Amino acid sequence: MVTPFGPTGEVNLDAAQRLARRLVDDGSEGVVVAGTTGESPTLSDQEKLELLRAVREALPDATVVAGTGGNDTRHSVHLSERAMSAGADALLAVVPYYNRPPQEGILRHFEAISKAGPTIMYNIQGRTAVNMTAETTLRAAELPGVIGVKEASGDLTQIALICARRPPDFWVWSGDDGMTLPLLSVGGDGVICVISHLAGAAMARMIQAHLGGDAPAAALIHGRLLPLMRALMTASTSPIPVKSVLNRLGPDLGGLRLPLLDMPPDALDGVMAELQAAGDLISIGAPLG
């Protein structure tokens, strides 16, 4: 989920609680706080923990996952321990970025974090510059504290191999909204997504349709949402588009912290056109209050 900010740039905990409840009411089984969509690189550890506690209070019965990964294993472990103490159900940790670790280093990084709590690995080479291979993912899947992977490699063959060879208690989620249905088709489980801010109920229907054997219904929803999914990822660096759309639709959730910037109005108009084209699949548009 995006992180709302107040007029002077502080984390708006009240708005975060309202947004979290609305996301779950609209079909999400839980939320991730302080992930990339939540502008985690610009949040302090203290802000991440305060946000986690506030959302945990707002969602006593839903899953709350804390984004705690970084490119310093020791710091990631420390933050993960604090997040579990603050009420997280699980941890989301990205493949270490910038320092380009070898595959064995990636494995040991997740092994260390998983000792703090149930860990979802996040593979997104476009952000990290390193792809966690299927072989490394499957080795990590054997660790008792690693419960799944958020896969955004864009490589469906890699994802299919993971799904085919994973242990039975290991989950595979899409980390790319547009790859959700293809991932489901090769045995994946769901999505940790961005478009749920706007069309959570439709995404839930698409997943349930596929799992229920109604491939045409799932494909229809996928096809109708795909242009908006693409716009939210390509019109500007995520999470700029989704936060800009939410601010256009309702009360101000605050701007983005530097180095991110709000979308120019003309670019935002293009995303809003795709939102309008999605029609009745858009279920979140009312003000947060």
C-alpha atoms as a PDB file:
ATOM      1  CA  MET A   1       0.000   0.000   0.000  1.00  0.00           C
ATOM      2  CA  VAL A   2       1.047   3.589  -0.585  1.00  0.00           C
ATOM      3  CA  THR A   3       2.168   5.602   2.421  1.00  0.00           C
ATOM      4  CA  PRO A   4       0.045   8.717   3.035  1.00  0.00           C
ATOM      5  CA  PHE A   5       1.907  11.843   4.084  1.00  0.00           C
ATOM      6  CA  GLY A   6       0.654  14.926   5.859  1.00  0.00           C
ATOM      7  CA  PRO A   7       0.980  18.561   4.791  1.00  0.00           C
ATOM      8  CA  THR A   8       4.545  18.873   6.066  1.00  0.00           C
ATOM      9  CA  GLY A   9       5.677  15.492   4.784  1.00  0.00           C
ATOM     10  CA  GLU A  10       5.121  13.438   7.941  1.00  0.00           C
ATOM     11  CA  VAL A  11       3.578   9.968   7.768  1.00  0.00           C
ATOM     12  CA  ASN A  12      -0.196  10.319   8.113  1.00  0.00           C
ATOM     13  CA  LEU A  13      -1.083   7.363  10.316  1.00  0.00           C
ATOM     14  CA  ASP A  14      -4.830   8.085  10.396  1.00  0.00           C
ATOM     15  CA  ALA A  15      -5.028   8.096   6.603  1.00  0.00           C
ATOM     16  CA  ALA A  16      -2.915   4.933   6.482  1.00  0.00           C
ATOM     17  CA  GLN A  17      -5.388   3.149   8.748  1.00  0.00           C
ATOM     18  CA  ARG A  18      -8.344   4.230   6.611  1.00  0.00           C
ATOM     19  CA  LEU A  19      -6.604   3.185   3.413  1.00  0.00           C
ATOM     20  CA  ALA A  20      -5.626  -0.196   4.855  1.00  0.00           C
ATOM     21  CA  ARG A  21      -9.211  -0.931   5.916  1.00  0.00           C
ATOM     22  CA  ARG A  22     -10.522   0.097   2.515  1.00  0.00           C
ATOM     23  CA  LEU A  23      -8.060  -2.148   0.678  1.00  0.00           C
ATOM     24  CA  VAL A  24      -9.142  -5.158   2.726  1.00  0.00           C
ATOM     25  CA  ASP A  25     -12.825  -4.274   2.391  1.00  0.00           C
ATOM     26  CA  ASP A  26     -12.286  -4.239  -1.377  1.00  0.00           C
ATOM     27  CA  GLY A  27     -10.934  -7.769  -1.624  1.00  0.00           C
ATOM     28  CA  SER A  28      -7.321  -7.833  -0.473  1.00  0.00           C
ATOM     29  CA  GLU A  29      -6.523 -10.524   2.080  1.00  0.00           C
ATOM     30  CA  GLY A  30      -3.914  -8.281   3.639  1.00  0.00           C
ATOM     31  CA  VAL A  31      -1.512  -5.438   2.994  1.00  0.00           C
ATOM     32  CA  VAL A  32       2.203  -4.797   2.736  1.00  0.00           C
ATOM     33  CA  VAL A  33       3.384  -1.706   4.589  1.00  0.00           C
ATOM     34  CA  ALA A  34       6.678   0.043   3.855  1.00  0.00           C
ATOM     35  CA  GLY A  35       7.241  -1.760   0.586  1.00  0.00           C
ATOM     36  CA  THR A  36       8.463  -0.098  -2.596  1.00  0.00           C
ATOM     37  CA  THR A  37       4.943   1.154  -3.340  1.00  0.00           C
ATOM     38  CA  GLY A  38       5.017   2.694   0.137  1.00  0.00           C
ATOM     39  CA  GLU A  39       8.206   4.643  -0.697  1.00  0.00           C
ATOM     40  CA  SER A  40      10.262   2.527   1.687  1.00  0.00           C
ATOM     41  CA  PRO A  41      13.637   3.958   0.623  1.00  0.00           C
ATOM     42  CA  THR A  42      12.610   7.344   2.057  1.00  0.00           C
ATOM     43  CA  LEU A  43      11.076   6.068   5.309  1.00  0.00           C
ATOM     44  CA  SER A  44      13.130   5.865   8.475  1.00  0.00           C
ATOM     45  CA  ASP A  45      13.073   2.687  10.541  1.00  0.00           C
ATOM     46  CA  GLN A  46      11.014   4.475  13.166  1.00  0.00           C
ATOM     47  CA  GLU A  47       8.459   5.608  10.574  1.00  0.00           C
ATOM     48  CA  LYS A  48       8.208   2.077   9.207  1.00  0.00           C
ATOM     49  CA  LEU A  49       7.516   0.668  12.660  1.00  0.00           C
ATOM     50  CA  GLU A  50       4.973   3.370  13.534  1.00  0.00           C
ATOM     51  CA  LEU A  51       3.205   2.722  10.233  1.00  0.00           C
ATOM     52  CA  LEU A  52       3.203  -1.007  10.907  1.00  0.00           C
ATOM     53  CA  ARG A  53       1.721  -0.580  14.391  1.00  0.00           C
ATOM     54  CA  ALA A  54      -1.005   1.738  13.111  1.00  0.00           C
ATOM     55  CA  VAL A  55      -2.013  -0.597  10.274  1.00  0.00           C
ATOM     56  CA  ARG A  56      -1.889  -3.616  12.590  1.00  0.00           C
ATOM     57  CA  GLU A  57      -4.325  -1.820  14.892  1.00  0.00           C
ATOM     58  CA  ALA A  58      -6.611  -1.059  11.955  1.00  0.00           C
ATOM     59  CA  LEU A  59      -6.509  -4.633  10.629  1.00  0.00           C
ATOM     60  CA  PRO A  60      -6.644  -7.010  13.593  1.00  0.00           C
ATOM     61  CA  ASP A  61      -7.929  -9.901  11.451  1.00  0.00           C
ATOM     62  CA  ALA A  62      -6.091  -9.393   8.153  1.00  0.00           C
ATOM     63  CA  THR A  63      -2.545 -10.225   7.169  1.00  0.00           C
ATOM     64  CA  VAL A  64      -0.056  -7.384   7.644  1.00  0.00           C
ATOM     65  CA  VAL A  65       3.334  -7.825   6.002  1.00  0.00           C
ATOM     66  CA  ALA A  66       6.226  -5.498   6.802  1.00  0.00           C
ATOM     67  CA  GLY A  67       8.746  -4.455   4.176  1.00  0.00           C
ATOM     68  CA  THR A  68      12.086  -4.879   5.929  1.00  0.00           C
ATOM     69  CA  GLY A  69      14.566  -5.831   3.216  1.00  0.00           C
ATOM     70  CA  GLY A  70      17.583  -3.831   2.133  1.00  0.00           C
ATOM     71  CA  ASN A  71      21.086  -4.333   0.832  1.00  0.00           C
ATOM     72  CA  ASP A  72      22.661  -4.614   4.289  1.00  0.00           C
ATOM     73  CA  THR A  73      21.859  -8.014   5.769  1.00  0.00           C
ATOM     74  CA  ARG A  74      22.636  -7.033   9.332  1.00  0.00           C
ATOM     75  CA  HIS A  75      20.361  -3.989   9.199  1.00  0.00           C
ATOM     76  CA  SER A  76      17.605  -5.994   7.470  1.00  0.00           C
ATOM     77  CA  VAL A  77      17.703  -8.600  10.235  1.00  0.00           C
ATOM     78  CA  HIS A  78      17.565  -5.923  12.941  1.00  0.00           C
ATOM     79  CA  LEU A  79      14.577  -4.183  11.342  1.00  0.00           C
ATOM     80  CA  SER A  80      12.862  -7.546  10.752  1.00  0.00           C
ATOM     81  CA  GLU A  81      13.170  -8.455  14.415  1.00  0.00           C
ATOM     82  CA  ARG A  82      11.672  -5.119  15.425  1.00  0.00           C
ATOM     83  CA  ALA A  83       8.850  -5.495  12.880  1.00  0.00           C
ATOM     84  CA  MET A  84       7.888  -8.922  14.201  1.00  0.00           C
ATOM     85  CA  SER A  85       7.830  -7.502  17.744  1.00  0.00           C
ATOM     86  CA  ALA A  86       5.595  -4.674  16.467  1.00  0.00           C
ATOM     87  CA  GLY A  87       2.952  -7.090  15.185  1.00  0.00           C
ATOM     88  CA  ALA A  88       3.885  -8.095  11.638  1.00  0.00           C
ATOM     89  CA  ASP A  89       2.560 -11.442  10.427  1.00  0.00           C
ATOM     90  CA  ALA A  90       5.363 -11.813   7.905  1.00  0.00           C
ATOM     91  CA  LEU A  91       8.262  -9.966   6.300  1.00  0.00           C
ATOM     92  CA  LEU A  92       8.821  -8.888   2.701  1.00  0.00           C
ATOM     93  CA  ALA A  93      12.492  -8.635   1.779  1.00  0.00           C
ATOM     94  CA  VAL A  94      13.846  -7.633  -1.600  1.00  0.00           C
ATOM     95  CA  VAL A  95      16.919  -9.145  -3.229  1.00  0.00           C
ATOM     96  CA  PRO A  96      19.793  -6.870  -2.134  1.00  0.00           C
ATOM     97  CA  TYR A  97      20.146  -4.020  -4.597  1.00  0.00           C
ATOM     98  CA  TYR A  98      23.136  -2.081  -5.954  1.00  0.00           C
ATOM     99  CA  ASN A  99      25.861  -4.242  -4.388  1.00  0.00           C
ATOM    100  CA  ARG A 100      25.039  -7.077  -6.839  1.00  0.00           C
ATOM    101  CA  PRO A 101      25.602 -10.096  -4.566  1.00  0.00           C
ATOM    102  CA  PRO A 102      26.315 -13.597  -5.917  1.00  0.00           C
ATOM    103  CA  GLN A 103      23.559 -16.183  -5.727  1.00  0.00           C
ATOM    104  CA  GLU A 104      25.053 -17.727  -2.590  1.00  0.00           C
ATOM    105  CA  GLY A 105      25.078 -14.298  -0.941  1.00  0.00           C
ATOM    106  CA  ILE A 106      21.390 -13.842  -1.824  1.00  0.00           C
ATOM    107  CA  LEU A 107      20.595 -17.216  -0.274  1.00  0.00           C
ATOM    108  CA  ARG A 108      22.452 -16.429   2.944  1.00  0.00           C
ATOM    109  CA  HIS A 109      20.818 -12.979   3.102  1.00  0.00           C
ATOM    110  CA  PHE A 110      17.340 -14.515   3.115  1.00  0.00           C
ATOM    111  CA  GLU A 111      18.408 -17.276   5.472  1.00  0.00           C
ATOM    112  CA  ALA A 112      19.493 -14.649   8.006  1.00  0.00           C
ATOM    113  CA  ILE A 113      16.280 -12.636   7.685  1.00  0.00           C
ATOM    114  CA  SER A 114      14.074 -15.725   7.881  1.00  0.00           C
ATOM    115  CA  LYS A 115      15.350 -16.434  11.383  1.00  0.00           C
ATOM    116  CA  ALA A 116      13.537 -13.254  12.491  1.00  0.00           C
ATOM    117  CA  GLY A 117      10.142 -14.304  11.117  1.00  0.00           C
ATOM    118  CA  PRO A 118       8.212 -15.766   8.153  1.00  0.00           C
ATOM    119  CA  THR A 119       9.862 -14.262   5.079  1.00  0.00           C
ATOM    120  CA  ILE A 120       8.591 -13.545   1.567  1.00  0.00           C
ATOM    121  CA  MET A 121      11.453 -12.969  -0.845  1.00  0.00           C
ATOM    122  CA  TYR A 122      11.048 -10.307  -3.530  1.00  0.00           C
ATOM    123  CA  ASN A 123      12.772 -10.845  -6.873  1.00  0.00           C
ATOM    124  CA  ILE A 124      12.724  -7.785  -9.124  1.00  0.00           C
ATOM    125  CA  GLN A 125      15.818  -7.450 -11.275  1.00  0.00           C
ATOM    126  CA  GLY A 126      14.617  -4.173 -12.758  1.00  0.00           C
ATOM    127  CA  ARG A 127      15.076  -2.559  -9.336  1.00  0.00           C
ATOM    128  CA  THR A 128      17.970  -4.595  -7.935  1.00  0.00           C
ATOM    129  CA  ALA A 129      20.198  -5.266 -10.985  1.00  0.00           C
ATOM    130  CA  VAL A 130      20.434  -8.947  -9.964  1.00  0.00           C
ATOM    131  CA  ASN A 131      18.033 -11.763 -10.790  1.00  0.00           C
ATOM    132  CA  MET A 132      17.533 -14.425  -8.139  1.00  0.00           C
ATOM    133  CA  THR A 133      17.567 -17.588 -10.228  1.00  0.00           C
ATOM    134  CA  ALA A 134      15.005 -20.355  -9.992  1.00  0.00           C
ATOM    135  CA  GLU A 135      17.689 -22.588  -8.505  1.00  0.00           C
ATOM    136  CA  THR A 136      18.433 -20.109  -5.705  1.00  0.00           C
ATOM    137  CA  THR A 137      14.737 -19.549  -5.065  1.00  0.00           C
ATOM    138  CA  LEU A 138      14.138 -23.280  -4.741  1.00  0.00           C
ATOM    139  CA  ARG A 139      17.104 -23.680  -2.389  1.00  0.00           C
ATOM    140  CA  ALA A 140      15.731 -20.862  -0.233  1.00  0.00           C
ATOM    141  CA  ALA A 141      12.277 -22.463  -0.343  1.00  0.00           C
ATOM    142  CA  GLU A 142      13.687 -25.352   1.689  1.00  0.00           C
ATOM    143  CA  LEU A 143      14.576 -23.013   4.568  1.00  0.00           C
ATOM    144  CA  PRO A 144      12.007 -23.284   7.385  1.00  0.00           C
ATOM    145  CA  GLY A 145      11.466 -19.537   7.695  1.00  0.00           C
ATOM    146  CA  VAL A 146      11.060 -18.719   3.990  1.00  0.00           C
ATOM    147  CA  ILE A 147       7.380 -18.999   3.084  1.00  0.00           C
ATOM    148  CA  GLY A 148       7.225 -17.656  -0.463  1.00  0.00           C
ATOM    149  CA  VAL A 149       8.443 -15.371  -3.195  1.00  0.00           C
ATOM    150  CA  LYS A 150       7.061 -12.270  -4.847  1.00  0.00           C
ATOM    151  CA  GLU A 151       8.228 -12.838  -8.417  1.00  0.00           C
ATOM    152  CA  ALA A 152       8.716  -9.851 -10.710  1.00  0.00           C
ATOM    153  CA  SER A 153      11.504 -11.178 -12.888  1.00  0.00           C
ATOM    154  CA  GLY A 154       9.252 -11.025 -15.949  1.00  0.00           C
ATOM    155  CA  ASP A 155      10.515 -14.486 -16.924  1.00  0.00           C
ATOM    156  CA  LEU A 156       7.521 -16.820 -17.076  1.00  0.00           C
ATOM    157  CA  THR A 157       9.757 -19.837 -17.705  1.00  0.00           C
ATOM    158  CA  GLN A 158      11.612 -19.125 -14.481  1.00  0.00           C
ATOM    159  CA  ILE A 159       8.341 -18.656 -12.595  1.00  0.00           C
ATOM    160  CA  ALA A 160       6.918 -21.881 -14.033  1.00  0.00           C
ATOM    161  CA  LEU A 161      10.011 -23.803 -12.963  1.00  0.00           C
ATOM    162  CA  ILE A 162       9.692 -22.460  -9.414  1.00  0.00           C
ATOM    163  CA  CYS A 163       6.001 -23.393  -9.310  1.00  0.00           C
ATOM    164  CA  ALA A 164       6.699 -26.885 -10.637  1.00  0.00           C
ATOM    165  CA  ARG A 165       9.466 -27.719  -8.161  1.00  0.00           C
ATOM    166  CA  ARG A 166       8.551 -25.794  -5.013  1.00  0.00           C
ATOM    167  CA  PRO A 167       7.727 -27.468  -1.707  1.00  0.00           C
ATOM    168  CA  PRO A 168       3.982 -27.762  -0.989  1.00  0.00           C
ATOM    169  CA  ASP A 169       4.049 -25.052   1.700  1.00  0.00           C
ATOM    170  CA  PHE A 170       5.862 -22.448  -0.426  1.00  0.00           C
ATOM    171  CA  TRP A 171       3.804 -19.648  -2.020  1.00  0.00           C
ATOM    172  CA  VAL A 172       4.441 -17.888  -5.323  1.00  0.00           C
ATOM    173  CA  TRP A 173       2.910 -14.443  -5.821  1.00  0.00           C
ATOM    174  CA  SER A 174       3.214 -12.203  -8.836  1.00  0.00           C
ATOM    175  CA  GLY A 175       5.019  -8.932  -8.233  1.00  0.00           C
ATOM    176  CA  ASP A 176       3.845  -7.563 -11.567  1.00  0.00           C
ATOM    177  CA  ASP A 177       0.102  -6.931 -11.878  1.00  0.00           C
ATOM    178  CA  GLY A 178       0.053  -7.737 -15.578  1.00  0.00           C
ATOM    179  CA  MET A 179       1.696 -11.127 -14.995  1.00  0.00           C
ATOM    180  CA  THR A 180      -0.879 -12.273 -12.445  1.00  0.00           C
ATOM    181  CA  LEU A 181      -3.004 -14.392 -14.758  1.00  0.00           C
ATOM    182  CA  PRO A 182       0.001 -15.905 -16.606  1.00  0.00           C
ATOM    183  CA  LEU A 183       1.541 -16.745 -13.211  1.00  0.00           C
ATOM    184  CA  LEU A 184      -1.686 -18.389 -12.070  1.00  0.00           C
ATOM    185  CA  SER A 185      -1.753 -20.430 -15.279  1.00  0.00           C
ATOM    186  CA  VAL A 186       1.591 -22.059 -14.424  1.00  0.00           C
ATOM    187  CA  GLY A 187       0.590 -22.829 -10.845  1.00  0.00           C
ATOM    188  CA  GLY A 188       1.143 -19.593  -8.911  1.00  0.00           C
ATOM    189  CA  ASP A 189      -1.021 -18.463  -6.032  1.00  0.00           C
ATOM    190  CA  GLY A 190      -1.906 -14.767  -6.398  1.00  0.00           C
ATOM    191  CA  VAL A 191      -0.451 -11.283  -6.492  1.00  0.00           C
ATOM    192  CA  ILE A 192       1.009  -8.620  -4.238  1.00  0.00           C
ATOM    193  CA  CYS A 193      -0.136  -5.740  -6.346  1.00  0.00           C
ATOM    194  CA  VAL A 194      -0.552  -2.035  -7.020  1.00  0.00           C
ATOM    195  CA  ILE A 195      -3.840  -1.925  -8.930  1.00  0.00           C
ATOM    196  CA  SER A 196      -5.625  -3.247  -5.831  1.00  0.00           C
ATOM    197  CA  HIS A 197      -5.689   0.399  -4.712  1.00  0.00           C
ATOM    198  CA  LEU A 198      -8.235   0.916  -7.479  1.00  0.00           C
ATOM    199  CA  ALA A 199      -9.648  -2.467  -8.506  1.00  0.00           C
ATOM    200  CA  GLY A 200      -9.103  -4.896  -5.661  1.00  0.00           C
ATOM    201  CA  ALA A 201     -12.491  -6.559  -6.003  1.00  0.00           C
ATOM    202  CA  ALA A 202     -11.941  -7.146  -9.718  1.00  0.00           C
ATOM    203  CA  MET A 203      -8.509  -8.668  -9.115  1.00  0.00           C
ATOM    204  CA  ALA A 204     -10.007 -10.970  -6.485  1.00  0.00           C
ATOM    205  CA  ARG A 205     -12.750 -12.012  -8.945  1.00  0.00           C
ATOM    206  CA  MET A 206     -10.153 -12.710 -11.630  1.00  0.00           C
ATOM    207  CA  ILE A 207      -8.135 -14.944  -9.323  1.00  0.00           C
ATOM    208  CA  GLN A 208     -11.214 -16.790  -8.082  1.00  0.00           C
ATOM    209  CA  ALA A 209     -12.491 -17.239 -11.639  1.00  0.00           C
ATOM    210  CA  HIS A 210      -9.207 -18.825 -12.681  1.00  0.00           C
ATOM    211  CA  LEU A 211      -9.033 -21.055  -9.608  1.00  0.00           C
ATOM    212  CA  GLY A 212     -12.657 -22.053 -10.201  1.00  0.00           C
ATOM    213  CA  GLY A 213     -11.948 -23.139 -13.761  1.00  0.00           C
ATOM    214  CA  ASP A 214     -13.633 -20.227 -15.541  1.00  0.00           C
ATOM    215  CA  ALA A 215     -10.738 -19.242 -17.797  1.00  0.00           C
ATOM    216  CA  PRO A 216     -12.798 -16.974 -20.119  1.00  0.00           C
ATOM    217  CA  ALA A 217     -14.080 -14.881 -17.196  1.00  0.00           C
ATOM    218  CA  ALA A 218     -10.568 -14.522 -15.789  1.00  0.00           C
ATOM    219  CA  ALA A 219      -9.181 -13.563 -19.189  1.00  0.00           C
ATOM    220  CA  LEU A 220     -11.906 -10.966 -19.692  1.00  0.00           C
ATOM    221  CA  ILE A 221     -11.063  -9.159 -16.440  1.00  0.00           C
ATOM    222  CA  HIS A 222      -7.354  -9.431 -17.168  1.00  0.00           C
ATOM    223  CA  GLY A 223      -7.784  -7.942 -20.625  1.00  0.00           C
ATOM    224  CA  ARG A 224      -9.918  -5.058 -19.422  1.00  0.00           C
ATOM    225  CA  LEU A 225      -7.525  -4.128 -16.612  1.00  0.00           C
ATOM    226  CA  LEU A 226      -4.300  -4.640 -18.542  1.00  0.00           C
ATOM    227  CA  PRO A 227      -4.082  -1.116 -20.064  1.00  0.00           C
ATOM    228  CA  LEU A 228      -4.473   0.441 -16.605  1.00  0.00           C
ATOM    229  CA  MET A 229      -1.958  -2.001 -15.116  1.00  0.00           C
ATOM    230  CA  ARG A 230       0.525  -0.998 -17.776  1.00  0.00           C
ATOM    231  CA  ALA A 231      -0.118   2.711 -17.252  1.00  0.00           C
ATOM    232  CA  LEU A 232       0.429   2.422 -13.500  1.00  0.00           C
ATOM    233  CA  MET A 233       3.832   0.838 -14.151  1.00  0.00           C
ATOM    234  CA  THR A 234       5.064   2.734 -17.211  1.00  0.00           C
ATOM    235  CA  ALA A 235       3.556   6.234 -17.181  1.00  0.00           C
ATOM    236  CA  SER A 236       6.156   7.093 -14.561  1.00  0.00           C
ATOM    237  CA  THR A 237       8.222   5.319 -11.936  1.00  0.00           C
ATOM    238  CA  SER A 238       5.990   3.354  -9.580  1.00  0.00           C
ATOM    239  CA  PRO A 239       4.496   4.385  -7.141  1.00  0.00           C
ATOM    240  CA  ILE A 240       4.178   7.835  -8.716  1.00  0.00           C
ATOM    241  CA  PRO A 241       1.184   6.967 -10.967  1.00  0.00           C
ATOM    242  CA  VAL A 242      -0.969   5.174  -8.377  1.00  0.00           C
ATOM    243  CA  LYS A 243      -0.449   7.797  -5.695  1.00  0.00           C
ATOM    244  CA  SER A 244      -1.137  10.581  -8.184  1.00  0.00           C
ATOM    245  CA  VAL A 245      -4.369   8.852  -9.275  1.00  0.00           C
ATOM    246  CA  LEU A 246      -5.502   8.439  -5.671  1.00  0.00           C
ATOM    247  CA  ASN A 247      -4.838  12.097  -4.996  1.00  0.00           C
ATOM    248  CA  ARG A 248      -6.810  13.087  -8.110  1.00  0.00           C
ATOM    249  CA  LEU A 249      -9.747  10.903  -7.032  1.00  0.00           C
ATOM    250  CA  GLY A 250     -10.104  11.895  -3.408  1.00  0.00           C
ATOM    251  CA  PRO A 251      -8.578  13.739  -0.493  1.00  0.00           C
ATOM    252  CA  ASP A 252      -4.870  14.409  -0.616  1.00  0.00           C
ATOM    253  CA  LEU A 253      -2.739  11.483   0.525  1.00  0.00           C
ATOM    254  CA  GLY A 254       0.257  13.757   0.364  1.00  0.00           C
ATOM    255  CA  GLY A 255       2.945  14.133  -2.235  1.00  0.00           C
ATOM    256  CA  LEU A 256       5.929  11.896  -2.824  1.00  0.00           C
ATOM    257  CA  ARG A 257       9.179  12.271  -1.004  1.00  0.00           C
ATOM    258  CA  LEU A 258      12.207  13.272  -3.021  1.00  0.00           C
ATOM    259  CA  PRO A 259      13.717  12.049  -5.216  1.00  0.00           C
ATOM    260  CA  LEU A 260      10.243  11.073  -6.522  1.00  0.00           C
ATOM    261  CA  LEU A 261       7.931  13.774  -7.839  1.00  0.00           C
ATOM    262  CA  ASP A 262       4.219  14.073  -8.604  1.00  0.00           C
ATOM    263  CA  MET A 263       3.168  13.317 -12.164  1.00  0.00           C
ATOM    264  CA  PRO A 264       2.776  16.218 -14.600  1.00  0.00           C
ATOM    265  CA  PRO A 265      -0.948  16.886 -15.193  1.00  0.00           C
ATOM    266  CA  ASP A 266      -0.896  15.834 -18.847  1.00  0.00           C
ATOM    267  CA  ALA A 267       0.745  12.495 -18.039  1.00  0.00           C
ATOM    268  CA  LEU A 268      -1.728  11.919 -15.221  1.00  0.00           C
ATOM    269  CA  ASP A 269      -4.595  12.659 -17.608  1.00  0.00           C
ATOM    270  CA  GLY A 270      -3.452   9.684 -19.702  1.00  0.00           C
ATOM    271  CA  VAL A 271      -3.571   7.340 -16.711  1.00  0.00           C
ATOM    272  CA  MET A 272      -6.978   8.689 -15.713  1.00  0.00           C
ATOM    273  CA  ALA A 273      -8.249   7.907 -19.222  1.00  0.00           C
ATOM    274  CA  GLU A 274      -7.264   4.258 -18.758  1.00  0.00           C
ATOM    275  CA  LEU A 275      -8.960   4.299 -15.348  1.00  0.00           C
ATOM    276  CA  GLN A 276     -12.163   5.559 -16.938  1.00  0.00           C
ATOM    277  CA  ALA A 277     -11.927   2.940 -19.684  1.00  0.00           C
ATOM    278  CA  ALA A 278     -11.842   0.172 -17.064  1.00  0.00           C
ATOM    279  CA  GLY A 279     -15.378   1.241 -16.116  1.00  0.00           C
ATOM    280  CA  ASP A 280     -17.174  -0.864 -13.550  1.00  0.00           C
ATOM    281  CA  LEU A 281     -14.030  -2.804 -12.660  1.00  0.00           C
ATOM    282  CA  ILE A 282     -12.860   0.216 -10.686  1.00  0.00           C
ATOM    283  CA  SER A 283     -14.201  -0.165  -7.172  1.00  0.00           C
ATOM    284  CA  ILE A 284     -12.170   2.393  -5.230  1.00  0.00           C
ATOM    285  CA  GLY A 285     -12.759   5.986  -6.122  1.00  0.00           C
ATOM    286  CA  ALA A 286     -14.675   7.426  -3.214  1.00  0.00           C
ATOM    287  CA  PRO A 287     -12.834   9.804  -0.870  1.00  0.00           C
ATOM    288  CA  LEU A 288     -11.108   8.376   2.166  1.00  0.00           C
ATOM    289  CA  GLY A 289     -12.685  11.036   4.328  1.00  0.00           C
END
